N, C-alpha and C. Protein backbone atom coordinates (compact mmCIF):
# COMPACT_ATOMS: atom_id res chain seq x y z
N MET A 1 -3.67 -3.17 -29.94
CA MET A 1 -2.26 -3.12 -29.50
C MET A 1 -2.16 -2.40 -28.16
N ASN A 2 -1.32 -2.93 -27.27
CA ASN A 2 -1.07 -2.29 -25.98
C ASN A 2 -0.50 -0.90 -26.22
N ILE A 3 -1.19 0.14 -25.69
CA ILE A 3 -0.76 1.51 -25.95
C ILE A 3 0.63 1.79 -25.38
N ILE A 4 0.99 1.08 -24.31
CA ILE A 4 2.31 1.29 -23.71
C ILE A 4 3.40 0.88 -24.68
N ARG A 5 3.13 -0.14 -25.50
CA ARG A 5 4.14 -0.65 -26.43
C ARG A 5 3.94 -0.19 -27.87
N LYS A 6 3.01 0.74 -28.08
CA LYS A 6 2.78 1.23 -29.43
C LYS A 6 4.02 1.94 -29.95
N PRO A 7 4.62 1.48 -31.03
CA PRO A 7 5.89 2.07 -31.51
C PRO A 7 5.67 3.39 -32.24
N PHE A 8 6.72 4.21 -32.24
CA PHE A 8 6.72 5.43 -33.04
C PHE A 8 7.18 5.09 -34.46
N ARG A 9 6.75 5.90 -35.41
CA ARG A 9 7.32 5.79 -36.75
C ARG A 9 8.77 6.26 -36.68
N TYR A 10 9.68 5.48 -37.25
CA TYR A 10 11.10 5.80 -37.11
C TYR A 10 11.45 7.12 -37.81
N SER A 11 12.19 7.94 -37.09
CA SER A 11 12.77 9.16 -37.66
C SER A 11 14.02 9.49 -36.86
N PHE A 12 14.93 10.21 -37.50
CA PHE A 12 16.16 10.61 -36.80
C PHE A 12 16.45 12.07 -37.12
N PHE A 13 16.47 12.89 -36.06
CA PHE A 13 16.77 14.31 -36.27
C PHE A 13 17.82 14.83 -35.28
N ASN A 14 18.66 13.90 -34.81
CA ASN A 14 19.79 14.23 -33.93
C ASN A 14 19.35 15.01 -32.69
N ALA A 15 18.40 14.44 -31.97
CA ALA A 15 17.92 15.05 -30.74
C ALA A 15 19.02 15.14 -29.68
N THR A 16 19.97 14.21 -29.75
CA THR A 16 21.07 14.21 -28.78
C THR A 16 21.84 15.52 -28.82
N SER A 17 22.16 15.99 -30.02
CA SER A 17 22.90 17.24 -30.16
C SER A 17 22.09 18.43 -29.66
N ILE A 18 20.78 18.39 -29.87
CA ILE A 18 19.92 19.47 -29.39
C ILE A 18 19.92 19.52 -27.86
N ILE A 19 19.84 18.34 -27.24
CA ILE A 19 19.86 18.27 -25.77
C ILE A 19 21.20 18.78 -25.23
N ILE A 20 22.29 18.39 -25.87
CA ILE A 20 23.61 18.85 -25.45
C ILE A 20 23.69 20.37 -25.55
N ALA A 21 23.20 20.93 -26.65
CA ALA A 21 23.22 22.39 -26.83
C ALA A 21 22.41 23.09 -25.75
N LEU A 22 21.24 22.55 -25.42
CA LEU A 22 20.41 23.15 -24.37
C LEU A 22 21.11 23.08 -23.01
N ASN A 23 21.79 21.98 -22.75
CA ASN A 23 22.55 21.85 -21.50
C ASN A 23 23.63 22.93 -21.41
N LEU A 24 24.32 23.15 -22.50
CA LEU A 24 25.39 24.16 -22.51
C LEU A 24 24.82 25.56 -22.32
N ILE A 25 23.69 25.84 -22.96
CA ILE A 25 23.06 27.15 -22.80
C ILE A 25 22.67 27.39 -21.35
N VAL A 26 22.01 26.40 -20.74
CA VAL A 26 21.59 26.53 -19.34
C VAL A 26 22.80 26.66 -18.42
N PHE A 27 23.87 25.91 -18.73
CA PHE A 27 25.08 25.98 -17.90
C PHE A 27 25.65 27.39 -17.88
N PHE A 28 25.75 28.01 -19.05
CA PHE A 28 26.30 29.37 -19.10
C PHE A 28 25.36 30.37 -18.46
N LEU A 29 24.06 30.15 -18.57
CA LEU A 29 23.10 31.04 -17.91
C LEU A 29 23.23 30.96 -16.39
N THR A 30 23.44 29.73 -15.86
CA THR A 30 23.60 29.59 -14.40
C THR A 30 24.93 30.15 -13.92
N MET A 31 25.92 30.20 -14.81
CA MET A 31 27.17 30.85 -14.44
C MET A 31 26.97 32.36 -14.30
N ILE A 32 26.14 32.93 -15.18
CA ILE A 32 25.87 34.36 -15.14
C ILE A 32 24.89 34.69 -14.02
N PHE A 33 23.89 33.82 -13.85
CA PHE A 33 22.86 34.02 -12.82
C PHE A 33 22.81 32.78 -11.92
N PRO A 34 23.73 32.67 -10.94
CA PRO A 34 23.83 31.47 -10.10
C PRO A 34 22.53 31.09 -9.39
N ARG A 35 21.70 32.09 -9.11
CA ARG A 35 20.45 31.83 -8.38
C ARG A 35 19.52 30.92 -9.19
N LEU A 36 19.73 30.86 -10.51
CA LEU A 36 18.90 30.02 -11.36
C LEU A 36 18.95 28.55 -10.94
N GLN A 37 20.09 28.14 -10.37
CA GLN A 37 20.23 26.73 -9.97
C GLN A 37 19.16 26.35 -8.96
N VAL A 38 18.83 27.28 -8.07
CA VAL A 38 17.83 27.00 -7.04
C VAL A 38 16.46 26.81 -7.66
N TYR A 39 16.16 27.55 -8.71
CA TYR A 39 14.85 27.47 -9.35
C TYR A 39 14.75 26.33 -10.35
N LEU A 40 15.87 26.01 -11.00
CA LEU A 40 15.85 24.97 -12.03
C LEU A 40 16.28 23.61 -11.52
N GLY A 41 17.13 23.57 -10.48
CA GLY A 41 17.50 22.31 -9.87
C GLY A 41 16.30 21.74 -9.12
N MET A 42 16.40 20.47 -8.74
CA MET A 42 15.24 19.81 -8.12
C MET A 42 15.46 19.58 -6.63
N SER A 43 14.47 19.96 -5.84
CA SER A 43 14.54 19.74 -4.40
C SER A 43 13.14 19.48 -3.86
N TYR A 44 13.09 18.84 -2.72
CA TYR A 44 11.82 18.55 -2.07
C TYR A 44 11.09 19.84 -1.74
N PHE A 45 11.84 20.83 -1.24
CA PHE A 45 11.22 22.09 -0.85
C PHE A 45 10.80 22.90 -2.07
N GLY A 46 11.52 22.72 -3.19
CA GLY A 46 11.12 23.39 -4.42
C GLY A 46 9.76 22.93 -4.89
N ILE A 47 9.52 21.63 -4.79
CA ILE A 47 8.22 21.08 -5.18
C ILE A 47 7.13 21.61 -4.24
N LEU A 48 7.45 21.72 -2.94
CA LEU A 48 6.49 22.26 -1.98
C LEU A 48 6.13 23.71 -2.31
N LEU A 49 7.10 24.42 -2.90
CA LEU A 49 6.88 25.82 -3.30
C LEU A 49 6.23 25.92 -4.68
N HIS A 50 5.79 24.78 -5.20
CA HIS A 50 5.10 24.71 -6.49
C HIS A 50 6.01 24.98 -7.68
N TYR A 51 7.29 24.64 -7.55
CA TYR A 51 8.19 24.72 -8.71
C TYR A 51 8.07 23.40 -9.49
N TYR A 52 6.92 23.22 -10.10
CA TYR A 52 6.60 21.93 -10.70
C TYR A 52 7.41 21.62 -11.96
N TRP A 53 8.15 22.59 -12.46
CA TRP A 53 8.99 22.37 -13.63
C TRP A 53 10.30 21.67 -13.29
N GLN A 54 10.64 21.61 -12.00
CA GLN A 54 11.95 21.11 -11.59
C GLN A 54 12.26 19.67 -12.01
N PRO A 55 11.30 18.73 -12.00
CA PRO A 55 11.63 17.36 -12.44
C PRO A 55 12.14 17.31 -13.88
N LEU A 56 11.84 18.33 -14.68
CA LEU A 56 12.36 18.41 -16.04
C LEU A 56 13.62 19.27 -16.11
N THR A 57 13.57 20.45 -15.51
CA THR A 57 14.67 21.40 -15.69
C THR A 57 15.95 20.99 -14.97
N TYR A 58 15.85 20.18 -13.91
CA TYR A 58 17.07 19.80 -13.19
C TYR A 58 18.03 19.03 -14.09
N LEU A 59 17.48 18.40 -15.15
CA LEU A 59 18.30 17.64 -16.09
C LEU A 59 19.28 18.51 -16.86
N PHE A 60 19.00 19.82 -16.92
CA PHE A 60 19.83 20.72 -17.71
C PHE A 60 20.78 21.57 -16.86
N VAL A 61 20.75 21.37 -15.55
CA VAL A 61 21.57 22.17 -14.64
C VAL A 61 22.76 21.35 -14.17
N HIS A 62 23.97 21.95 -14.21
CA HIS A 62 25.17 21.26 -13.78
C HIS A 62 25.98 22.14 -12.83
N SER A 63 26.67 21.49 -11.91
CA SER A 63 27.32 22.21 -10.83
C SER A 63 28.72 22.72 -11.15
N GLY A 64 29.30 22.30 -12.26
CA GLY A 64 30.65 22.74 -12.59
C GLY A 64 31.11 22.21 -13.93
N TRP A 65 32.31 22.62 -14.33
CA TRP A 65 32.83 22.23 -15.64
C TRP A 65 32.99 20.71 -15.77
N SER A 66 33.56 20.07 -14.75
CA SER A 66 33.78 18.62 -14.85
C SER A 66 32.45 17.88 -14.89
N HIS A 67 31.46 18.38 -14.14
CA HIS A 67 30.15 17.75 -14.10
C HIS A 67 29.50 17.75 -15.48
N ILE A 68 29.48 18.90 -16.13
CA ILE A 68 28.83 18.97 -17.44
C ILE A 68 29.68 18.32 -18.52
N LEU A 69 31.00 18.39 -18.38
CA LEU A 69 31.89 17.79 -19.39
C LEU A 69 31.68 16.29 -19.48
N PHE A 70 31.74 15.60 -18.33
CA PHE A 70 31.60 14.14 -18.34
C PHE A 70 30.19 13.71 -18.76
N ASN A 71 29.18 14.45 -18.30
CA ASN A 71 27.81 14.09 -18.67
C ASN A 71 27.57 14.27 -20.16
N MET A 72 28.07 15.37 -20.72
CA MET A 72 27.84 15.64 -22.14
C MET A 72 28.66 14.70 -23.02
N LEU A 73 29.85 14.32 -22.60
CA LEU A 73 30.63 13.35 -23.36
C LEU A 73 29.91 12.01 -23.40
N ALA A 74 29.40 11.58 -22.23
CA ALA A 74 28.67 10.31 -22.17
C ALA A 74 27.39 10.39 -22.98
N LEU A 75 26.70 11.53 -22.90
CA LEU A 75 25.48 11.72 -23.66
C LEU A 75 25.77 11.65 -25.16
N PHE A 76 26.88 12.23 -25.58
CA PHE A 76 27.26 12.21 -26.99
C PHE A 76 27.56 10.79 -27.47
N PHE A 77 28.41 10.08 -26.73
CA PHE A 77 28.84 8.75 -27.18
C PHE A 77 27.73 7.71 -27.11
N PHE A 78 26.99 7.70 -26.00
CA PHE A 78 25.93 6.70 -25.85
C PHE A 78 24.62 7.17 -26.49
N GLY A 79 24.33 8.45 -26.37
CA GLY A 79 23.05 8.97 -26.85
C GLY A 79 22.85 8.82 -28.34
N ILE A 80 23.85 9.20 -29.12
CA ILE A 80 23.70 9.13 -30.58
C ILE A 80 23.51 7.69 -31.04
N SER A 81 24.26 6.76 -30.46
CA SER A 81 24.12 5.35 -30.84
C SER A 81 22.74 4.82 -30.52
N VAL A 82 22.25 5.13 -29.32
CA VAL A 82 20.92 4.68 -28.91
C VAL A 82 19.85 5.35 -29.77
N GLU A 83 20.01 6.64 -30.01
CA GLU A 83 19.02 7.37 -30.82
C GLU A 83 18.93 6.82 -32.23
N ARG A 84 20.07 6.52 -32.84
CA ARG A 84 20.06 5.94 -34.19
C ARG A 84 19.39 4.56 -34.20
N ALA A 85 19.56 3.83 -33.13
CA ALA A 85 19.01 2.47 -33.07
C ALA A 85 17.49 2.47 -32.90
N VAL A 86 16.96 3.36 -32.05
CA VAL A 86 15.53 3.31 -31.73
C VAL A 86 14.73 4.44 -32.37
N GLY A 87 15.41 5.43 -32.93
CA GLY A 87 14.73 6.59 -33.50
C GLY A 87 14.65 7.73 -32.50
N SER A 88 14.57 8.93 -33.01
CA SER A 88 14.63 10.11 -32.14
C SER A 88 13.44 10.23 -31.20
N LYS A 89 12.24 9.87 -31.65
CA LYS A 89 11.06 10.00 -30.79
C LYS A 89 11.13 9.04 -29.61
N GLU A 90 11.52 7.79 -29.89
CA GLU A 90 11.66 6.81 -28.80
C GLU A 90 12.78 7.23 -27.86
N PHE A 91 13.84 7.75 -28.44
CA PHE A 91 14.98 8.22 -27.64
C PHE A 91 14.55 9.33 -26.70
N LEU A 92 13.80 10.30 -27.21
CA LEU A 92 13.35 11.42 -26.37
C LEU A 92 12.43 10.95 -25.25
N LEU A 93 11.53 10.03 -25.58
CA LEU A 93 10.64 9.49 -24.55
C LEU A 93 11.46 8.79 -23.48
N PHE A 94 12.40 7.96 -23.90
CA PHE A 94 13.24 7.23 -22.96
C PHE A 94 14.05 8.18 -22.09
N TYR A 95 14.73 9.11 -22.73
CA TYR A 95 15.64 10.02 -22.01
C TYR A 95 14.88 10.84 -20.97
N PHE A 96 13.80 11.48 -21.39
CA PHE A 96 13.11 12.38 -20.46
C PHE A 96 12.24 11.64 -19.45
N LEU A 97 11.64 10.52 -19.85
CA LEU A 97 10.86 9.76 -18.88
C LEU A 97 11.78 9.20 -17.80
N CYS A 98 12.90 8.61 -18.22
CA CYS A 98 13.86 8.07 -17.24
C CYS A 98 14.42 9.19 -16.37
N GLY A 99 14.76 10.32 -17.00
CA GLY A 99 15.33 11.43 -16.25
C GLY A 99 14.37 12.01 -15.24
N ILE A 100 13.12 12.21 -15.64
CA ILE A 100 12.11 12.78 -14.74
C ILE A 100 11.78 11.83 -13.60
N LEU A 101 11.52 10.56 -13.92
CA LEU A 101 11.21 9.59 -12.87
C LEU A 101 12.40 9.40 -11.94
N ASP A 102 13.60 9.40 -12.51
CA ASP A 102 14.81 9.28 -11.71
C ASP A 102 14.90 10.41 -10.69
N GLY A 103 14.62 11.63 -11.15
CA GLY A 103 14.68 12.78 -10.24
C GLY A 103 13.66 12.69 -9.13
N ILE A 104 12.44 12.30 -9.48
CA ILE A 104 11.37 12.19 -8.48
C ILE A 104 11.71 11.10 -7.46
N ILE A 105 12.12 9.94 -7.95
CA ILE A 105 12.46 8.83 -7.06
C ILE A 105 13.61 9.21 -6.14
N SER A 106 14.64 9.81 -6.70
CA SER A 106 15.82 10.18 -5.91
C SER A 106 15.47 11.20 -4.84
N THR A 107 14.67 12.20 -5.21
CA THR A 107 14.28 13.24 -4.25
C THR A 107 13.47 12.65 -3.10
N VAL A 108 12.56 11.75 -3.42
CA VAL A 108 11.74 11.10 -2.37
C VAL A 108 12.63 10.24 -1.46
N LEU A 109 13.55 9.47 -2.06
CA LEU A 109 14.43 8.61 -1.26
C LEU A 109 15.32 9.42 -0.35
N TYR A 110 15.89 10.51 -0.88
CA TYR A 110 16.75 11.36 -0.04
C TYR A 110 15.94 11.98 1.10
N ARG A 111 14.70 12.35 0.81
CA ARG A 111 13.85 12.93 1.85
C ARG A 111 13.57 11.90 2.94
N LEU A 112 13.30 10.66 2.54
CA LEU A 112 13.04 9.59 3.51
C LEU A 112 14.26 9.31 4.36
N LEU A 113 15.45 9.52 3.78
CA LEU A 113 16.70 9.33 4.51
C LEU A 113 17.06 10.54 5.35
N GLY A 114 16.26 11.59 5.26
CA GLY A 114 16.53 12.80 6.02
C GLY A 114 17.64 13.64 5.45
N ILE A 115 17.90 13.48 4.15
CA ILE A 115 18.98 14.22 3.50
C ILE A 115 18.38 15.29 2.61
N THR A 116 18.87 16.53 2.77
CA THR A 116 18.40 17.63 1.95
C THR A 116 19.39 17.86 0.81
N VAL A 117 18.93 17.74 -0.41
CA VAL A 117 19.81 17.92 -1.57
C VAL A 117 19.12 18.79 -2.61
N LEU A 118 19.95 19.47 -3.40
CA LEU A 118 19.48 20.12 -4.61
C LEU A 118 19.99 19.26 -5.75
N LEU A 119 19.08 18.52 -6.36
CA LEU A 119 19.45 17.57 -7.39
C LEU A 119 19.65 18.31 -8.71
N VAL A 120 20.85 18.18 -9.28
CA VAL A 120 21.13 18.81 -10.57
C VAL A 120 21.90 17.84 -11.45
N GLY A 121 21.73 18.01 -12.75
CA GLY A 121 22.54 17.25 -13.70
C GLY A 121 21.81 16.13 -14.41
N ALA A 122 22.36 15.76 -15.55
CA ALA A 122 21.78 14.72 -16.39
C ALA A 122 22.31 13.33 -16.05
N SER A 123 23.01 13.20 -14.93
CA SER A 123 23.68 11.93 -14.63
C SER A 123 22.73 10.74 -14.60
N GLY A 124 21.56 10.89 -13.97
CA GLY A 124 20.62 9.78 -13.90
C GLY A 124 20.15 9.36 -15.28
N ALA A 125 19.83 10.34 -16.13
CA ALA A 125 19.41 10.04 -17.50
C ALA A 125 20.55 9.44 -18.31
N VAL A 126 21.77 9.92 -18.06
CA VAL A 126 22.94 9.39 -18.76
C VAL A 126 23.20 7.94 -18.36
N TYR A 127 23.03 7.63 -17.08
CA TYR A 127 23.17 6.24 -16.63
C TYR A 127 22.11 5.36 -17.27
N ALA A 128 20.91 5.90 -17.45
CA ALA A 128 19.86 5.16 -18.14
C ALA A 128 20.27 4.90 -19.58
N LEU A 129 20.92 5.87 -20.21
CA LEU A 129 21.40 5.69 -21.59
C LEU A 129 22.49 4.64 -21.66
N LEU A 130 23.38 4.63 -20.67
CA LEU A 130 24.42 3.59 -20.63
C LEU A 130 23.76 2.22 -20.55
N PHE A 131 22.72 2.12 -19.73
CA PHE A 131 21.98 0.86 -19.60
C PHE A 131 21.36 0.48 -20.95
N ALA A 132 20.72 1.45 -21.60
CA ALA A 132 20.10 1.20 -22.90
C ALA A 132 21.13 0.76 -23.93
N TYR A 133 22.28 1.39 -23.92
CA TYR A 133 23.35 1.04 -24.85
C TYR A 133 23.77 -0.42 -24.65
N ALA A 134 23.88 -0.82 -23.38
CA ALA A 134 24.30 -2.19 -23.06
C ALA A 134 23.26 -3.22 -23.48
N VAL A 135 21.98 -2.83 -23.46
CA VAL A 135 20.92 -3.75 -23.88
C VAL A 135 20.84 -3.83 -25.41
N ILE A 136 20.97 -2.69 -26.07
CA ILE A 136 20.86 -2.65 -27.53
C ILE A 136 22.10 -3.20 -28.21
N PHE A 137 23.27 -2.95 -27.60
CA PHE A 137 24.54 -3.42 -28.16
C PHE A 137 25.27 -4.27 -27.11
N PRO A 138 24.70 -5.42 -26.76
CA PRO A 138 25.25 -6.21 -25.63
C PRO A 138 26.65 -6.76 -25.86
N ARG A 139 27.07 -6.88 -27.10
CA ARG A 139 28.40 -7.41 -27.37
C ARG A 139 29.45 -6.32 -27.62
N ASN A 140 29.02 -5.07 -27.56
CA ASN A 140 29.97 -3.98 -27.76
C ASN A 140 30.90 -3.84 -26.57
N VAL A 141 32.11 -3.41 -26.87
CA VAL A 141 33.13 -3.21 -25.84
C VAL A 141 33.40 -1.72 -25.70
N ILE A 142 33.44 -1.25 -24.46
CA ILE A 142 33.75 0.15 -24.17
C ILE A 142 35.14 0.21 -23.56
N TYR A 143 35.95 1.15 -24.05
CA TYR A 143 37.32 1.27 -23.56
C TYR A 143 37.40 2.37 -22.49
N ILE A 144 37.66 1.93 -21.25
CA ILE A 144 37.79 2.86 -20.14
C ILE A 144 39.12 3.59 -20.28
N TRP A 145 39.06 4.92 -20.22
CA TRP A 145 40.25 5.77 -20.43
C TRP A 145 40.92 5.48 -21.78
N GLY A 146 40.15 4.89 -22.69
CA GLY A 146 40.69 4.58 -24.00
C GLY A 146 41.65 3.42 -24.01
N ILE A 147 41.73 2.68 -22.89
CA ILE A 147 42.73 1.61 -22.76
C ILE A 147 42.11 0.28 -22.37
N ILE A 148 41.32 0.29 -21.30
CA ILE A 148 40.81 -0.96 -20.71
C ILE A 148 39.50 -1.37 -21.38
N PRO A 149 39.47 -2.51 -22.09
CA PRO A 149 38.23 -2.95 -22.74
C PRO A 149 37.28 -3.61 -21.75
N VAL A 150 36.03 -3.15 -21.74
CA VAL A 150 35.02 -3.72 -20.85
C VAL A 150 33.74 -3.90 -21.66
N ALA A 151 33.16 -5.09 -21.60
CA ALA A 151 31.89 -5.33 -22.28
C ALA A 151 30.82 -4.42 -21.69
N ALA A 152 29.96 -3.87 -22.54
CA ALA A 152 28.96 -2.90 -22.10
C ALA A 152 28.10 -3.41 -20.94
N PRO A 153 27.57 -4.64 -20.98
CA PRO A 153 26.76 -5.12 -19.84
C PRO A 153 27.58 -5.21 -18.55
N LEU A 154 28.83 -5.63 -18.67
CA LEU A 154 29.68 -5.71 -17.48
C LEU A 154 29.91 -4.33 -16.88
N LEU A 155 30.04 -3.33 -17.75
CA LEU A 155 30.25 -1.97 -17.26
C LEU A 155 29.04 -1.49 -16.45
N VAL A 156 27.84 -1.89 -16.86
CA VAL A 156 26.64 -1.54 -16.11
C VAL A 156 26.70 -2.14 -14.71
N PHE A 157 27.07 -3.42 -14.62
CA PHE A 157 27.16 -4.08 -13.32
C PHE A 157 28.25 -3.45 -12.45
N VAL A 158 29.37 -3.11 -13.06
CA VAL A 158 30.48 -2.49 -12.32
C VAL A 158 30.05 -1.14 -11.75
N TYR A 159 29.41 -0.33 -12.60
CA TYR A 159 28.96 0.98 -12.14
C TYR A 159 27.89 0.85 -11.07
N ALA A 160 26.99 -0.11 -11.22
CA ALA A 160 25.95 -0.32 -10.20
C ALA A 160 26.59 -0.67 -8.86
N LEU A 161 27.60 -1.55 -8.90
CA LEU A 161 28.29 -1.94 -7.67
C LEU A 161 29.00 -0.74 -7.04
N ILE A 162 29.65 0.07 -7.88
CA ILE A 162 30.35 1.26 -7.39
C ILE A 162 29.37 2.22 -6.72
N GLU A 163 28.22 2.43 -7.36
CA GLU A 163 27.24 3.36 -6.81
C GLU A 163 26.65 2.85 -5.50
N ILE A 164 26.41 1.55 -5.40
CA ILE A 164 25.87 0.98 -4.17
C ILE A 164 26.86 1.14 -3.02
N THR A 165 28.11 0.78 -3.26
CA THR A 165 29.12 0.89 -2.20
C THR A 165 29.39 2.35 -1.85
N SER A 166 29.37 3.24 -2.86
CA SER A 166 29.61 4.66 -2.61
C SER A 166 28.47 5.27 -1.79
N GLN A 167 27.23 4.86 -2.09
CA GLN A 167 26.09 5.38 -1.35
C GLN A 167 26.14 4.92 0.11
N ILE A 168 26.56 3.67 0.31
CA ILE A 168 26.65 3.14 1.67
C ILE A 168 27.74 3.86 2.46
N SER A 169 28.90 4.08 1.81
CA SER A 169 30.01 4.74 2.50
C SER A 169 29.75 6.22 2.67
N GLY A 170 29.08 6.85 1.68
CA GLY A 170 28.67 8.25 1.77
C GLY A 170 29.86 9.21 1.75
N GLY A 171 29.53 10.52 1.86
CA GLY A 171 30.56 11.53 2.02
C GLY A 171 31.09 12.15 0.74
N SER A 172 30.69 11.67 -0.42
CA SER A 172 31.27 12.21 -1.66
C SER A 172 30.46 13.36 -2.23
N GLY A 173 29.19 13.49 -1.83
CA GLY A 173 28.35 14.55 -2.37
C GLY A 173 27.75 14.22 -3.71
N ILE A 174 28.07 13.07 -4.27
CA ILE A 174 27.52 12.67 -5.56
C ILE A 174 26.19 11.97 -5.34
N ALA A 175 25.23 12.24 -6.21
CA ALA A 175 23.89 11.67 -6.05
C ALA A 175 23.88 10.22 -6.52
N HIS A 176 24.44 9.33 -5.71
CA HIS A 176 24.53 7.92 -6.09
C HIS A 176 23.15 7.30 -6.24
N LEU A 177 22.21 7.74 -5.40
CA LEU A 177 20.85 7.21 -5.52
C LEU A 177 20.26 7.55 -6.89
N ALA A 178 20.58 8.74 -7.39
CA ALA A 178 20.08 9.15 -8.71
C ALA A 178 20.64 8.25 -9.80
N HIS A 179 21.91 7.90 -9.68
CA HIS A 179 22.54 7.03 -10.68
C HIS A 179 21.89 5.64 -10.65
N LEU A 180 21.70 5.11 -9.47
CA LEU A 180 21.08 3.80 -9.33
C LEU A 180 19.63 3.82 -9.81
N ALA A 181 18.93 4.91 -9.51
CA ALA A 181 17.55 5.03 -9.97
C ALA A 181 17.50 5.08 -11.49
N GLY A 182 18.53 5.68 -12.11
CA GLY A 182 18.60 5.72 -13.57
C GLY A 182 18.64 4.32 -14.16
N PHE A 183 19.45 3.46 -13.57
CA PHE A 183 19.51 2.06 -14.02
C PHE A 183 18.16 1.36 -13.81
N ALA A 184 17.56 1.57 -12.63
CA ALA A 184 16.31 0.89 -12.29
C ALA A 184 15.17 1.29 -13.22
N VAL A 185 15.05 2.60 -13.48
CA VAL A 185 13.98 3.08 -14.35
C VAL A 185 14.19 2.59 -15.78
N ALA A 186 15.44 2.57 -16.23
CA ALA A 186 15.74 2.09 -17.57
C ALA A 186 15.36 0.61 -17.71
N TRP A 187 15.65 -0.16 -16.69
CA TRP A 187 15.29 -1.59 -16.68
C TRP A 187 13.77 -1.76 -16.86
N ILE A 188 13.03 -1.02 -16.05
CA ILE A 188 11.57 -1.10 -16.11
C ILE A 188 11.07 -0.66 -17.48
N TYR A 189 11.68 0.37 -18.05
CA TYR A 189 11.28 0.87 -19.37
C TYR A 189 11.42 -0.22 -20.42
N PHE A 190 12.55 -0.90 -20.42
CA PHE A 190 12.77 -1.93 -21.43
C PHE A 190 11.78 -3.09 -21.29
N VAL A 191 11.47 -3.45 -20.06
CA VAL A 191 10.53 -4.55 -19.84
C VAL A 191 9.11 -4.12 -20.20
N ALA A 192 8.68 -2.94 -19.72
CA ALA A 192 7.29 -2.51 -19.90
C ALA A 192 7.03 -1.96 -21.30
N ARG A 193 7.93 -1.15 -21.79
CA ARG A 193 7.70 -0.47 -23.07
C ARG A 193 8.17 -1.30 -24.27
N MET A 194 9.35 -1.90 -24.15
CA MET A 194 9.95 -2.60 -25.29
C MET A 194 9.70 -4.11 -25.28
N GLY A 195 9.26 -4.64 -24.12
CA GLY A 195 9.07 -6.08 -24.02
C GLY A 195 10.39 -6.84 -24.06
N ILE A 196 11.45 -6.18 -23.62
CA ILE A 196 12.79 -6.76 -23.65
C ILE A 196 13.27 -6.97 -22.22
N HIS A 197 13.79 -8.15 -21.94
CA HIS A 197 14.31 -8.45 -20.61
C HIS A 197 15.84 -8.40 -20.66
N PRO A 198 16.44 -7.37 -20.08
CA PRO A 198 17.88 -7.15 -20.20
C PRO A 198 18.74 -8.36 -19.83
N LEU A 199 18.44 -9.03 -18.74
CA LEU A 199 19.27 -10.17 -18.34
C LEU A 199 19.25 -11.26 -19.39
N LYS A 200 18.10 -11.49 -20.00
CA LYS A 200 18.01 -12.49 -21.06
C LYS A 200 18.85 -12.08 -22.28
N VAL A 201 18.79 -10.80 -22.63
CA VAL A 201 19.57 -10.29 -23.75
C VAL A 201 21.06 -10.51 -23.49
N TRP A 202 21.50 -10.16 -22.28
CA TRP A 202 22.92 -10.29 -21.96
C TRP A 202 23.34 -11.75 -21.87
N LYS A 203 22.47 -12.58 -21.34
CA LYS A 203 22.78 -14.00 -21.25
C LYS A 203 22.91 -14.62 -22.64
N ASP A 204 21.98 -14.29 -23.53
CA ASP A 204 22.01 -14.83 -24.89
C ASP A 204 23.22 -14.30 -25.67
N ALA A 205 23.58 -13.04 -25.43
CA ALA A 205 24.68 -12.43 -26.18
C ALA A 205 26.02 -13.03 -25.81
N TRP A 206 26.16 -13.44 -24.56
CA TRP A 206 27.47 -13.95 -24.10
C TRP A 206 27.41 -15.43 -23.76
N ARG A 207 26.44 -16.12 -24.34
CA ARG A 207 26.31 -17.57 -24.10
C ARG A 207 27.50 -18.30 -24.71
C-alpha cells in the first residue's frame, strides 16, 4: 500500500475543541506578554534566527479579539464536522500539515514580493478546513450571516475570488496569500493523500 495513502484507524476524541482551547490559552498569554507574538508568530527573519518552531506556533497566535473570534468560530463549525467524518488522527494531520505548509509557502511568497510580515493566526488552516468541508459535504449549504444560503463548494470559489482580488488591490493588512495557500495545500492533500479530486466531487454532486 502507498504509505502516503495509508489510512489511520478511525477514532474521535474531539481534537477540534483541544485546538480551540490551546488557541485561547496562547491568546491570553500574548495579551499578558505581547513580546511572545514575535517569538511565536512566523517571519522570514525569525527562521533566520533559528526560531524553527514558528511554522507550528504561528497557528496559535492571533492579533486581536475579532481575529481569534472568527477563526475559532469557523474552526468549531467546520472542524468538528470534518473531524467526525475523517477521524481525529486524519483531521490532525490535515490541519497541521496544511497549516504548517501554508505558513512556509506564504512566508516565502511574501519574501519574494519584498514584503515583511509577521504571520499569525489559524486563518490558512481554517480556509483549508472550509475546503475540506466543501469536498466532504459538497451538497451542504452554508448560511452567510445566518441568512444567505450558499452551497459549500460555491463558497470556496467565492472566497478564493475575494482573496485574489484583495491581494491584487492590497492595503488591507490581511494575509490573503496565506488564505489562498490554505486552499491550494488542501487541494493537493485531497489528491495526494485521499485520492479524491475536488472538482470531480463537486461536478458529480451538482450534476
